[in-house]
Amino acid sequence: MLSAMSTGHDGSLCTVHAGSPEEALRRLETLALMAGLGLPHAAIREQVSDAIDLIVHQARMPGGARRVVAVAEVVRVAAGPATRELYGWRDDRPVWRAALGDALARRLAEAA
């Protein structure tokens, strides 16, 4: 999946079961390591940060409905990929956090 997402296609979509956008990144790294390809952890982290732009976290609410509870941009930091929350659902209302990074904002504008 990571290799397909890193080949220059304009878009991809996949699902991963995780409790937060940060956990989704770690889960992807763990799944890639479990594939047994022998890639070093640093190479897998590099592929994750190259392949993923946004993480959309959906959760089931107490009443049973599903809601988008977070949207996070994947950013590069010294230790590898990290997330920066752009949108969150807090106290039954939407909360917008950080502005998009320049590269992602440009790609989203081009896609519109």
PDB file of N, CA and C in Angstrom:
ATOM      1  N   MET A   1       0.823  -1.181   0.000  1.00  0.00           N
ATOM      2  CA  MET A   1       0.000   0.000   0.000  1.00  0.00           C
ATOM      3  C   MET A   1       0.872   1.252   0.000  1.00  0.00           C
ATOM      4  N   LEU A   2       1.874   1.311   0.894  1.00  0.00           N
ATOM      5  CA  LEU A   2       2.738   2.498   0.953  1.00  0.00           C
ATOM      6  C   LEU A   2       3.469   2.703  -0.361  1.00  0.00           C
ATOM      7  N   SER A   3       3.935   1.636  -0.947  1.00  0.00           N
ATOM      8  CA  SER A   3       4.666   1.763  -2.196  1.00  0.00           C
ATOM      9  C   SER A   3       3.747   2.262  -3.315  1.00  0.00           C
ATOM     10  N   ALA A   4       2.503   1.778  -3.348  1.00  0.00           N
ATOM     11  CA  ALA A   4       1.553   2.244  -4.365  1.00  0.00           C
ATOM     12  C   ALA A   4       1.215   3.715  -4.157  1.00  0.00           C
ATOM     13  N   MET A   5       1.097   4.141  -2.900  1.00  0.00           N
ATOM     14  CA  MET A   5       0.735   5.523  -2.603  1.00  0.00           C
ATOM     15  C   MET A   5       1.888   6.489  -2.868  1.00  0.00           C
ATOM     16  N   SER A   6       3.106   5.987  -2.938  1.00  0.00           N
ATOM     17  CA  SER A   6       4.282   6.839  -3.119  1.00  0.00           C
ATOM     18  C   SER A   6       4.743   6.930  -4.561  1.00  0.00           C
ATOM     19  N   THR A   7       3.989   6.369  -5.496  1.00  0.00           N
ATOM     20  CA  THR A   7       4.448   6.319  -6.881  1.00  0.00           C
ATOM     21  C   THR A   7       4.025   7.508  -7.717  1.00  0.00           C
ATOM     22  N   GLY A   8       3.433   8.513  -7.109  1.00  0.00           N
ATOM     23  CA  GLY A   8       3.111   9.719  -7.854  1.00  0.00           C
ATOM     24  C   GLY A   8       1.673   9.829  -8.313  1.00  0.00           C
ATOM     25  N   HIS A   9       0.819   8.899  -7.922  1.00  0.00           N
ATOM     26  CA  HIS A   9      -0.599   9.011  -8.267  1.00  0.00           C
ATOM     27  C   HIS A   9      -1.190  10.225  -7.567  1.00  0.00           C
ATOM     28  N   ASP A  10      -2.239  10.790  -8.170  1.00  0.00           N
ATOM     29  CA  ASP A  10      -2.847  11.992  -7.622  1.00  0.00           C
ATOM     30  C   ASP A  10      -3.601  11.760  -6.329  1.00  0.00           C
ATOM     31  N   GLY A  11      -4.007  10.535  -6.047  1.00  0.00           N
ATOM     32  CA  GLY A  11      -4.739  10.314  -4.813  1.00  0.00           C
ATOM     33  C   GLY A  11      -4.935   8.850  -4.519  1.00  0.00           C
ATOM     34  N   SER A  12      -5.093   8.549  -3.272  1.00  0.00           N
ATOM     35  CA  SER A  12      -5.361   7.192  -2.798  1.00  0.00           C
ATOM     36  C   SER A  12      -6.212   7.300  -1.550  1.00  0.00           C
ATOM     37  N   LEU A  13      -6.837   6.193  -1.206  1.00  0.00           N
ATOM     38  CA  LEU A  13      -7.631   6.133  -0.001  1.00  0.00           C
ATOM     39  C   LEU A  13      -7.466   4.749   0.589  1.00  0.00           C
ATOM     40  N   CYS A  14      -7.248   4.687   1.871  1.00  0.00           N
ATOM     41  CA  CYS A  14      -7.182   3.398   2.549  1.00  0.00           C
ATOM     42  C   CYS A  14      -7.725   3.579   3.958  1.00  0.00           C
ATOM     43  N   THR A  15      -8.003   2.472   4.607  1.00  0.00           N
ATOM     44  CA  THR A  15      -8.470   2.530   5.986  1.00  0.00           C
ATOM     45  C   THR A  15      -7.484   1.809   6.886  1.00  0.00           C
ATOM     46  N   VAL A  16      -7.417   2.269   8.115  1.00  0.00           N
ATOM     47  CA  VAL A  16      -6.624   1.617   9.153  1.00  0.00           C
ATOM     48  C   VAL A  16      -7.378   1.827  10.457  1.00  0.00           C
ATOM     49  N   HIS A  17      -7.410   0.813  11.283  1.00  0.00           N
ATOM     50  CA  HIS A  17      -8.122   0.919  12.554  1.00  0.00           C
ATOM     51  C   HIS A  17      -7.170   1.487  13.603  1.00  0.00           C
ATOM     52  N   ALA A  18      -7.527   2.652  14.148  1.00  0.00           N
ATOM     53  CA  ALA A  18      -6.690   3.320  15.145  1.00  0.00           C
ATOM     54  C   ALA A  18      -7.569   4.258  15.965  1.00  0.00           C
ATOM     55  N   GLY A  19      -7.094   4.633  17.125  1.00  0.00           N
ATOM     56  CA  GLY A  19      -7.857   5.490  18.020  1.00  0.00           C
ATOM     57  C   GLY A  19      -7.622   6.970  17.819  1.00  0.00           C
ATOM     58  N   SER A  20      -6.635   7.344  16.985  1.00  0.00           N
ATOM     59  CA  SER A  20      -6.321   8.748  16.746  1.00  0.00           C
ATOM     60  C   SER A  20      -5.478   8.841  15.484  1.00  0.00           C
ATOM     61  N   PRO A  21      -5.340  10.038  14.913  1.00  0.00           N
ATOM     62  CA  PRO A  21      -4.452  10.179  13.751  1.00  0.00           C
ATOM     63  C   PRO A  21      -3.012   9.768  14.058  1.00  0.00           C
ATOM     64  N   GLU A  22      -2.519  10.101  15.248  1.00  0.00           N
ATOM     65  CA  GLU A  22      -1.144   9.728  15.621  1.00  0.00           C
ATOM     66  C   GLU A  22      -0.992   8.217  15.678  1.00  0.00           C
ATOM     67  N   GLU A  23      -1.989   7.564  16.260  1.00  0.00           N
ATOM     68  CA  GLU A  23      -1.950   6.107  16.350  1.00  0.00           C
ATOM     69  C   GLU A  23      -2.017   5.473  14.960  1.00  0.00           C
ATOM     70  N   ALA A  24      -2.741   6.098  14.037  1.00  0.00           N
ATOM     71  CA  ALA A  24      -2.820   5.565  12.670  1.00  0.00           C
ATOM     72  C   ALA A  24      -1.440   5.559  12.011  1.00  0.00           C
ATOM     73  N   LEU A  25      -0.655   6.606  12.210  1.00  0.00           N
ATOM     74  CA  LEU A  25       0.709   6.623  11.658  1.00  0.00           C
ATOM     75  C   LEU A  25       1.540   5.484  12.231  1.00  0.00           C
ATOM     76  N   ARG A  26       1.508   5.319  13.542  1.00  0.00           N
ATOM     77  CA  ARG A  26       2.281   4.241  14.181  1.00  0.00           C
ATOM     78  C   ARG A  26       1.806   2.875  13.704  1.00  0.00           C
ATOM     79  N   ARG A  27       0.491   2.726  13.518  1.00  0.00           N
ATOM     80  CA  ARG A  27      -0.069   1.459  13.055  1.00  0.00           C
ATOM     81  C   ARG A  27       0.427   1.139  11.653  1.00  0.00           C
ATOM     82  N   LEU A  28       0.470   2.150  10.773  1.00  0.00           N
ATOM     83  CA  LEU A  28       0.990   1.925   9.421  1.00  0.00           C
ATOM     84  C   LEU A  28       2.451   1.474   9.456  1.00  0.00           C
ATOM     85  N   GLU A  29       3.243   2.111  10.310  1.00  0.00           N
ATOM     86  CA  GLU A  29       4.645   1.716  10.445  1.00  0.00           C
ATOM     87  C   GLU A  29       4.755   0.271  10.923  1.00  0.00           C
ATOM     88  N   THR A  30       3.954  -0.079  11.912  1.00  0.00           N
ATOM     89  CA  THR A  30       3.988  -1.440  12.457  1.00  0.00           C
ATOM     90  C   THR A  30       3.564  -2.462  11.413  1.00  0.00           C
ATOM     91  N   LEU A  31       2.512  -2.163  10.671  1.00  0.00           N
ATOM     92  CA  LEU A  31       2.061  -3.081   9.621  1.00  0.00           C
ATOM     93  C   LEU A  31       3.134  -3.270   8.560  1.00  0.00           C
ATOM     94  N   ALA A  32       3.821  -2.198   8.179  1.00  0.00           N
ATOM     95  CA  ALA A  32       4.892  -2.304   7.185  1.00  0.00           C
ATOM     96  C   ALA A  32       6.048  -3.142   7.727  1.00  0.00           C
ATOM     97  N   LEU A  33       6.391  -2.950   8.984  1.00  0.00           N
ATOM     98  CA  LEU A  33       7.453  -3.760   9.591  1.00  0.00           C
ATOM     99  C   LEU A  33       7.064  -5.238   9.648  1.00  0.00           C
ATOM    100  N   MET A  34       5.785  -5.513   9.910  1.00  0.00           N
ATOM    101  CA  MET A  34       5.307  -6.887   9.996  1.00  0.00           C
ATOM    102  C   MET A  34       5.278  -7.582   8.637  1.00  0.00           C
ATOM    103  N   ALA A  35       5.338  -6.822   7.548  1.00  0.00           N
ATOM    104  CA  ALA A  35       5.318  -7.416   6.211  1.00  0.00           C
ATOM    105  C   ALA A  35       6.583  -8.217   5.933  1.00  0.00           C
ATOM    106  N   GLY A  36       7.637  -7.992   6.727  1.00  0.00           N
ATOM    107  CA  GLY A  36       8.847  -8.790   6.599  1.00  0.00           C
ATOM    108  C   GLY A  36       9.673  -8.501   5.368  1.00  0.00           C
ATOM    109  N   LEU A  37       9.632  -7.286   4.859  1.00  0.00           N
ATOM    110  CA  LEU A  37      10.410  -6.929   3.673  1.00  0.00           C
ATOM    111  C   LEU A  37      11.856  -6.615   4.002  1.00  0.00           C
ATOM    112  N   GLY A  38      12.172  -6.499   5.274  1.00  0.00           N
ATOM    113  CA  GLY A  38      13.538  -6.219   5.680  1.00  0.00           C
ATOM    114  C   GLY A  38      13.955  -4.770   5.536  1.00  0.00           C
ATOM    115  N   LEU A  39      13.006  -3.883   5.343  1.00  0.00           N
ATOM    116  CA  LEU A  39      13.334  -2.458   5.259  1.00  0.00           C
ATOM    117  C   LEU A  39      13.634  -1.924   6.647  1.00  0.00           C
ATOM    118  N   PRO A  40      14.622  -1.058   6.768  1.00  0.00           N
ATOM    119  CA  PRO A  40      14.874  -0.458   8.079  1.00  0.00           C
ATOM    120  C   PRO A  40      13.729   0.458   8.492  1.00  0.00           C
ATOM    121  N   HIS A  41      13.571   0.614   9.798  1.00  0.00           N
ATOM    122  CA  HIS A  41      12.480   1.436  10.324  1.00  0.00           C
ATOM    123  C   HIS A  41      12.530   2.857   9.763  1.00  0.00           C
ATOM    124  N   ALA A  42      13.728   3.411   9.605  1.00  0.00           N
ATOM    125  CA  ALA A  42      13.862   4.771   9.064  1.00  0.00           C
ATOM    126  C   ALA A  42      13.299   4.851   7.645  1.00  0.00           C
ATOM    127  N   ALA A  43      13.517   3.834   6.843  1.00  0.00           N
ATOM    128  CA  ALA A  43      13.002   3.831   5.463  1.00  0.00           C
ATOM    129  C   ALA A  43      11.481   3.753   5.455  1.00  0.00           C
ATOM    130  N   ILE A  44      10.922   2.978   6.352  1.00  0.00           N
ATOM    131  CA  ILE A  44       9.463   2.877   6.440  1.00  0.00           C
ATOM    132  C   ILE A  44       8.865   4.210   6.881  1.00  0.00           C
ATOM    133  N   ARG A  45       9.486   4.857   7.860  1.00  0.00           N
ATOM    134  CA  ARG A  45       9.000   6.170   8.293  1.00  0.00           C
ATOM    135  C   ARG A  45       9.055   7.174   7.148  1.00  0.00           C
ATOM    136  N   GLU A  46      10.101   7.114   6.347  1.00  0.00           N
ATOM    137  CA  GLU A  46      10.231   8.006   5.194  1.00  0.00           C
ATOM    138  C   GLU A  46       9.102   7.751   4.202  1.00  0.00           C
ATOM    139  N   GLN A  47       8.799   6.478   3.937  1.00  0.00           N
ATOM    140  CA  GLN A  47       7.710   6.160   3.011  1.00  0.00           C
ATOM    141  C   GLN A  47       6.366   6.640   3.547  1.00  0.00           C
ATOM    142  N   VAL A  48       6.140   6.467   4.843  1.00  0.00           N
ATOM    143  CA  VAL A  48       4.880   6.917   5.436  1.00  0.00           C
ATOM    144  C   VAL A  48       4.739   8.424   5.281  1.00  0.00           C
ATOM    145  N   SER A  49       5.792   9.170   5.585  1.00  0.00           N
ATOM    146  CA  SER A  49       5.690  10.632   5.496  1.00  0.00           C
ATOM    147  C   SER A  49       5.573  11.103   4.049  1.00  0.00           C
ATOM    148  N   ASP A  50       6.107  10.351   3.101  1.00  0.00           N
ATOM    149  CA  ASP A  50       5.957  10.706   1.686  1.00  0.00           C
ATOM    150  C   ASP A  50       4.572  10.353   1.144  1.00  0.00           C
ATOM    151  N   ALA A  51       3.990   9.268   1.637  1.00  0.00           N
ATOM    152  CA  ALA A  51       2.760   8.734   1.054  1.00  0.00           C
ATOM    153  C   ALA A  51       1.488   9.366   1.597  1.00  0.00           C
ATOM    154  N   ILE A  52       1.493   9.785   2.852  1.00  0.00           N
ATOM    155  CA  ILE A  52       0.257  10.225   3.506  1.00  0.00           C
ATOM    156  C   ILE A  52       0.263  11.735   3.685  1.00  0.00           C
ATOM    157  N   ASP A  53      -0.804  12.394   3.222  1.00  0.00           N
ATOM    158  CA  ASP A  53      -0.966  13.838   3.396  1.00  0.00           C
ATOM    159  C   ASP A  53      -1.931  14.166   4.532  1.00  0.00           C
ATOM    160  N   LEU A  54      -3.054  13.478   4.544  1.00  0.00           N
ATOM    161  CA  LEU A  54      -4.107  13.749   5.521  1.00  0.00           C
ATOM    162  C   LEU A  54      -4.591  12.457   6.162  1.00  0.00           C
ATOM    163  N   ILE A  55      -4.976  12.565   7.411  1.00  0.00           N
ATOM    164  CA  ILE A  55      -5.629  11.452   8.096  1.00  0.00           C
ATOM    165  C   ILE A  55      -6.975  11.966   8.577  1.00  0.00           C
ATOM    166  N   VAL A  56      -8.031  11.256   8.228  1.00  0.00           N
ATOM    167  CA  VAL A  56      -9.382  11.584   8.666  1.00  0.00           C
ATOM    168  C   VAL A  56      -9.784  10.527   9.679  1.00  0.00           C
ATOM    169  N   HIS A  57     -10.057  10.959  10.898  1.00  0.00           N
ATOM    170  CA  HIS A  57     -10.416  10.032  11.973  1.00  0.00           C
ATOM    171  C   HIS A  57     -11.912  10.099  12.207  1.00  0.00           C
ATOM    172  N   GLN A  58     -12.539   8.936  12.093  1.00  0.00           N
ATOM    173  CA  GLN A  58     -13.979   8.818  12.296  1.00  0.00           C
ATOM    174  C   GLN A  58     -14.222   7.978  13.541  1.00  0.00           C
ATOM    175  N   ALA A  59     -15.235   8.315  14.316  1.00  0.00           N
ATOM    176  CA  ALA A  59     -15.551   7.559  15.534  1.00  0.00           C
ATOM    177  C   ALA A  59     -17.058   7.389  15.657  1.00  0.00           C
ATOM    178  N   ARG A  60     -17.435   6.378  16.411  1.00  0.00           N
ATOM    179  CA  ARG A  60     -18.853   6.162  16.687  1.00  0.00           C
ATOM    180  C   ARG A  60     -19.214   6.940  17.949  1.00  0.00           C
ATOM    181  N   MET A  61     -20.257   7.732  17.853  1.00  0.00           N
ATOM    182  CA  MET A  61     -20.727   8.538  18.978  1.00  0.00           C
ATOM    183  C   MET A  61     -21.572   7.672  19.919  1.00  0.00           C
ATOM    184  N   PRO A  62     -21.816   8.141  21.145  1.00  0.00           N
ATOM    185  CA  PRO A  62     -22.601   7.353  22.104  1.00  0.00           C
ATOM    186  C   PRO A  62     -23.974   6.922  21.577  1.00  0.00           C
ATOM    187  N   GLY A  63     -24.604   7.729  20.748  1.00  0.00           N
ATOM    188  CA  GLY A  63     -25.904   7.378  20.180  1.00  0.00           C
ATOM    189  C   GLY A  63     -25.824   6.409  19.009  1.00  0.00           C
ATOM    190  N   GLY A  64     -24.622   6.044  18.582  1.00  0.00           N
ATOM    191  CA  GLY A  64     -24.447   5.092  17.495  1.00  0.00           C
ATOM    192  C   GLY A  64     -24.069   5.716  16.161  1.00  0.00           C
ATOM    193  N   ALA A  65     -24.261   7.017  16.021  1.00  0.00           N
ATOM    194  CA  ALA A  65     -23.913   7.685  14.765  1.00  0.00           C
ATOM    195  C   ALA A  65     -22.394   7.778  14.632  1.00  0.00           C
ATOM    196  N   ARG A  66     -21.928   7.819  13.404  1.00  0.00           N
ATOM    197  CA  ARG A  66     -20.501   8.016  13.151  1.00  0.00           C
ATOM    198  C   ARG A  66     -20.264   9.476  12.791  1.00  0.00           C
ATOM    199  N   ARG A  67     -19.118  10.002  13.222  1.00  0.00           N
ATOM    200  CA  ARG A  67     -18.792  11.401  12.976  1.00  0.00           C
ATOM    201  C   ARG A  67     -17.296  11.521  12.738  1.00  0.00           C
ATOM    202  N   VAL A  68     -16.920  12.443  11.846  1.00  0.00           N
ATOM    203  CA  VAL A  68     -15.510  12.780  11.693  1.00  0.00           C
ATOM    204  C   VAL A  68     -15.127  13.581  12.929  1.00  0.00           C
ATOM    205  N   VAL A  69     -14.172  13.052  13.699  1.00  0.00           N
ATOM    206  CA  VAL A  69     -13.781  13.713  14.943  1.00  0.00           C
ATOM    207  C   VAL A  69     -12.423  14.391  14.843  1.00  0.00           C
ATOM    208  N   ALA A  70     -11.683  14.113  13.775  1.00  0.00           N
ATOM    209  CA  ALA A  70     -10.391  14.778  13.596  1.00  0.00           C
ATOM    210  C   ALA A  70      -9.944  14.668  12.146  1.00  0.00           C
ATOM    211  N   VAL A  71      -9.304  15.716  11.676  1.00  0.00           N
ATOM    212  CA  VAL A  71      -8.591  15.712  10.399  1.00  0.00           C
ATOM    213  C   VAL A  71      -7.210  16.263  10.717  1.00  0.00           C
ATOM    214  N   ALA A  72      -6.184  15.512  10.336  1.00  0.00           N
ATOM    215  CA  ALA A  72      -4.814  15.911  10.664  1.00  0.00           C
ATOM    216  C   ALA A  72      -3.941  15.860   9.425  1.00  0.00           C
ATOM    217  N   GLU A  73      -3.086  16.840   9.303  1.00  0.00           N
ATOM    218  CA  GLU A  73      -2.082  16.885   8.244  1.00  0.00           C
ATOM    219  C   GLU A  73      -0.866  16.107   8.728  1.00  0.00           C
ATOM    220  N   VAL A  74      -0.273  15.301   7.840  1.00  0.00           N
ATOM    221  CA  VAL A  74       0.952  14.587   8.177  1.00  0.00           C
ATOM    222  C   VAL A  74       2.122  15.498   7.828  1.00  0.00           C
ATOM    223  N   VAL A  75       2.954  15.753   8.812  1.00  0.00           N
ATOM    224  CA  VAL A  75       4.113  16.636   8.641  1.00  0.00           C
ATOM    225  C   VAL A  75       5.379  15.869   8.980  1.00  0.00           C
ATOM    226  N   ARG A  76       6.487  16.361   8.468  1.00  0.00           N
ATOM    227  CA  ARG A  76       7.781  15.742   8.761  1.00  0.00           C
ATOM    228  C   ARG A  76       8.434  16.453   9.935  1.00  0.00           C
ATOM    229  N   VAL A  77       8.939  15.656  10.855  1.00  0.00           N
ATOM    230  CA  VAL A  77       9.748  16.160  11.959  1.00  0.00           C
ATOM    231  C   VAL A  77      11.008  15.296  12.003  1.00  0.00           C
ATOM    232  N   ALA A  78      11.960  15.679  12.829  1.00  0.00           N
ATOM    233  CA  ALA A  78      13.234  14.963  12.886  1.00  0.00           C
ATOM    234  C   ALA A  78      13.049  13.475  13.165  1.00  0.00           C
ATOM    235  N   ALA A  79      12.081  13.113  13.996  1.00  0.00           N
ATOM    236  CA  ALA A  79      11.884  11.710  14.370  1.00  0.00           C
ATOM    237  C   ALA A  79      11.060  10.933  13.347  1.00  0.00           C
ATOM    238  N   GLY A  80      10.578  11.587  12.298  1.00  0.00           N
ATOM    239  CA  GLY A  80       9.745  10.914  11.298  1.00  0.00           C
ATOM    240  C   GLY A  80       8.443  11.650  11.119  1.00  0.00           C
ATOM    241  N   PRO A  81       7.414  10.958  10.610  1.00  0.00           N
ATOM    242  CA  PRO A  81       6.141  11.629  10.392  1.00  0.00           C
ATOM    243  C   PRO A  81       5.428  11.921  11.711  1.00  0.00           C
ATOM    244  N   ALA A  82       4.721  13.034  11.734  1.00  0.00           N
ATOM    245  CA  ALA A  82       3.907  13.419  12.881  1.00  0.00           C
ATOM    246  C   ALA A  82       2.625  14.034  12.337  1.00  0.00           C
ATOM    247  N   THR A  83       1.691  14.332  13.208  1.00  0.00           N
ATOM    248  CA  THR A  83       0.438  14.932  12.756  1.00  0.00           C
ATOM    249  C   THR A  83       0.258  16.311  13.357  1.00  0.00           C
ATOM    250  N   ARG A  84      -0.450  17.138  12.598  1.00  0.00           N
ATOM    251  CA  ARG A  84      -0.851  18.467  13.075  1.00  0.00           C
ATOM    252  C   ARG A  84      -2.356  18.551  12.844  1.00  0.00           C
ATOM    253  N   GLU A  85      -3.103  18.655  13.927  1.00  0.00           N
ATOM    254  CA  GLU A  85      -4.554  18.664  13.812  1.00  0.00           C
ATOM    255  C   GLU A  85      -5.047  19.921  13.119  1.00  0.00           C
ATOM    256  N   LEU A  86      -5.920  19.720  12.143  1.00  0.00           N
ATOM    257  CA  LEU A  86      -6.533  20.830  11.423  1.00  0.00           C
ATOM    258  C   LEU A  86      -7.979  21.034  11.861  1.00  0.00           C
ATOM    259  N   TYR A  87      -8.624  19.939  12.233  1.00  0.00           N
ATOM    260  CA  TYR A  87     -10.033  19.975  12.632  1.00  0.00           C
ATOM    261  C   TYR A  87     -10.233  18.950  13.740  1.00  0.00           C
ATOM    262  N   GLY A  88     -11.038  19.310  14.715  1.00  0.00           N
ATOM    263  CA  GLY A  88     -11.410  18.374  15.764  1.00  0.00           C
ATOM    264  C   GLY A  88     -12.838  18.605  16.197  1.00  0.00           C
ATOM    265  N   TRP A  89     -13.470  17.578  16.693  1.00  0.00           N
ATOM    266  CA  TRP A  89     -14.832  17.686  17.212  1.00  0.00           C
ATOM    267  C   TRP A  89     -14.732  17.639  18.726  1.00  0.00           C
ATOM    268  N   ARG A  90     -14.988  18.760  19.391  1.00  0.00           N
ATOM    269  CA  ARG A  90     -14.848  18.872  20.842  1.00  0.00           C
ATOM    270  C   ARG A  90     -16.121  19.464  21.443  1.00  0.00           C
ATOM    271  N   ASP A  91     -16.584  18.876  22.516  1.00  0.00           N
ATOM    272  CA  ASP A  91     -17.757  19.392  23.235  1.00  0.00           C
ATOM    273  C   ASP A  91     -18.932  19.649  22.294  1.00  0.00           C
ATOM    274  N   ASP A  92     -19.192  18.691  21.411  1.00  0.00           N
ATOM    275  CA  ASP A  92     -20.314  18.751  20.462  1.00  0.00           C
ATOM    276  C   ASP A  92     -20.261  19.925  19.493  1.00  0.00           C
ATOM    277  N   ARG A  93     -19.048  20.365  19.162  1.00  0.00           N
ATOM    278  CA  ARG A  93     -18.918  21.427  18.157  1.00  0.00           C
ATOM    279  C   ARG A  93     -17.573  21.290  17.443  1.00  0.00           C
ATOM    280  N   PRO A  94     -17.491  21.780  16.199  1.00  0.00           N
ATOM    281  CA  PRO A  94     -16.235  21.703  15.456  1.00  0.00           C
ATOM    282  C   PRO A  94     -15.223  22.734  15.952  1.00  0.00           C
ATOM    283  N   VAL A  95     -13.966  22.345  15.957  1.00  0.00           N
ATOM    284  CA  VAL A  95     -12.875  23.239  16.334  1.00  0.00           C
ATOM    285  C   VAL A  95     -11.815  23.157  15.248  1.00  0.00           C
ATOM    286  N   TRP A  96     -11.519  24.282  14.647  1.00  0.00           N
ATOM    287  CA  TRP A  96     -10.472  24.348  13.622  1.00  0.00           C
ATOM    288  C   TRP A  96      -9.191  24.789  14.292  1.00  0.00           C
ATOM    289  N   ARG A  97      -8.095  24.119  14.013  1.00  0.00           N
ATOM    290  CA  ARG A  97      -6.839  24.378  14.713  1.00  0.00           C
ATOM    291  C   ARG A  97      -5.841  25.132  13.841  1.00  0.00           C
ATOM    292  N   ALA A  98      -4.887  24.420  13.285  1.00  0.00           N
ATOM    293  CA  ALA A  98      -3.754  25.027  12.582  1.00  0.00           C
ATOM    294  C   ALA A  98      -4.068  25.218  11.102  1.00  0.00           C
ATOM    295  N   ALA A  99      -3.419  26.189  10.502  1.00  0.00           N
ATOM    296  CA  ALA A  99      -3.533  26.391   9.056  1.00  0.00           C
ATOM    297  C   ALA A  99      -2.798  25.273   8.341  1.00  0.00           C
ATOM    298  N   LEU A 100      -3.196  25.003   7.104  1.00  0.00           N
ATOM    299  CA  LEU A 100      -2.515  23.990   6.310  1.00  0.00           C
ATOM    300  C   LEU A 100      -1.101  24.433   5.969  1.00  0.00           C
ATOM    301  N   GLY A 101      -0.204  23.483   5.880  1.00  0.00           N
ATOM    302  CA  GLY A 101       1.140  23.777   5.383  1.00  0.00           C
ATOM    303  C   GLY A 101       1.071  24.166   3.916  1.00  0.00           C
ATOM    304  N   ASP A 102       2.045  24.875   3.429  1.00  0.00           N
ATOM    305  CA  ASP A 102       2.026  25.396   2.062  1.00  0.00           C
ATOM    306  C   ASP A 102       1.887  24.304   1.006  1.00  0.00           C
ATOM    307  N   ALA A 103       2.634  23.205   1.145  1.00  0.00           N
ATOM    308  CA  ALA A 103       2.618  22.145   0.128  1.00  0.00           C
ATOM    309  C   ALA A 103       1.243  21.500   0.031  1.00  0.00           C
ATOM    310  N   LEU A 104       0.642  21.176   1.166  1.00  0.00           N
ATOM    311  CA  LEU A 104      -0.677  20.557   1.151  1.00  0.00           C
ATOM    312  C   LEU A 104      -1.730  21.543   0.669  1.00  0.00           C
ATOM    313  N   ALA A 105      -1.671  22.783   1.098  1.00  0.00           N
ATOM    314  CA  ALA A 105      -2.637  23.799   0.649  1.00  0.00           C
ATOM    315  C   ALA A 105      -2.580  23.939  -0.858  1.00  0.00           C
ATOM    316  N   ARG A 106      -1.384  23.936  -1.429  1.00  0.00           N
ATOM    317  CA  ARG A 106      -1.238  24.059  -2.888  1.00  0.00           C
ATOM    318  C   ARG A 106      -1.863  22.865  -3.591  1.00  0.00           C
ATOM    319  N   ARG A 107      -1.607  21.635  -3.086  1.00  0.00           N
ATOM    320  CA  ARG A 107      -2.166  20.433  -3.708  1.00  0.00           C
ATOM    321  C   ARG A 107      -3.676  20.422  -3.625  1.00  0.00           C
ATOM    322  N   LEU A 108      -4.250  20.854  -2.500  1.00  0.00           N
ATOM    323  CA  LEU A 108      -5.698  20.883  -2.369  1.00  0.00           C
ATOM    324  C   LEU A 108      -6.302  21.929  -3.298  1.00  0.00           C
ATOM    325  N   ALA A 109      -5.657  23.073  -3.443  1.00  0.00           N
ATOM    326  CA  ALA A 109      -6.153  24.118  -4.345  1.00  0.00           C
ATOM    327  C   ALA A 109      -6.122  23.637  -5.794  1.00  0.00           C
ATOM    328  N   GLU A 110      -5.080  22.909  -6.172  1.00  0.00           N
ATOM    329  CA  GLU A 110      -4.969  22.388  -7.548  1.00  0.00           C
ATOM    330  C   GLU A 110      -6.037  21.345  -7.834  1.00  0.00           C
ATOM    331  N   ALA A 111      -6.426  20.590  -6.806  1.00  0.00           N
ATOM    332  CA  ALA A 111      -7.423  19.530  -6.984  1.00  0.00           C
ATOM    333  C   ALA A 111      -8.836  20.091  -7.067  1.00  0.00           C
ATOM    334  N   ALA A 112      -9.044  21.291  -6.588  1.00  0.00           N
ATOM    335  CA  ALA A 112     -10.414  21.848  -6.553  1.00  0.00           C
ATOM    336  C   ALA A 112     -10.873  22.310  -7.909  1.00  0.00           C
TER     337      ALA A 112
END
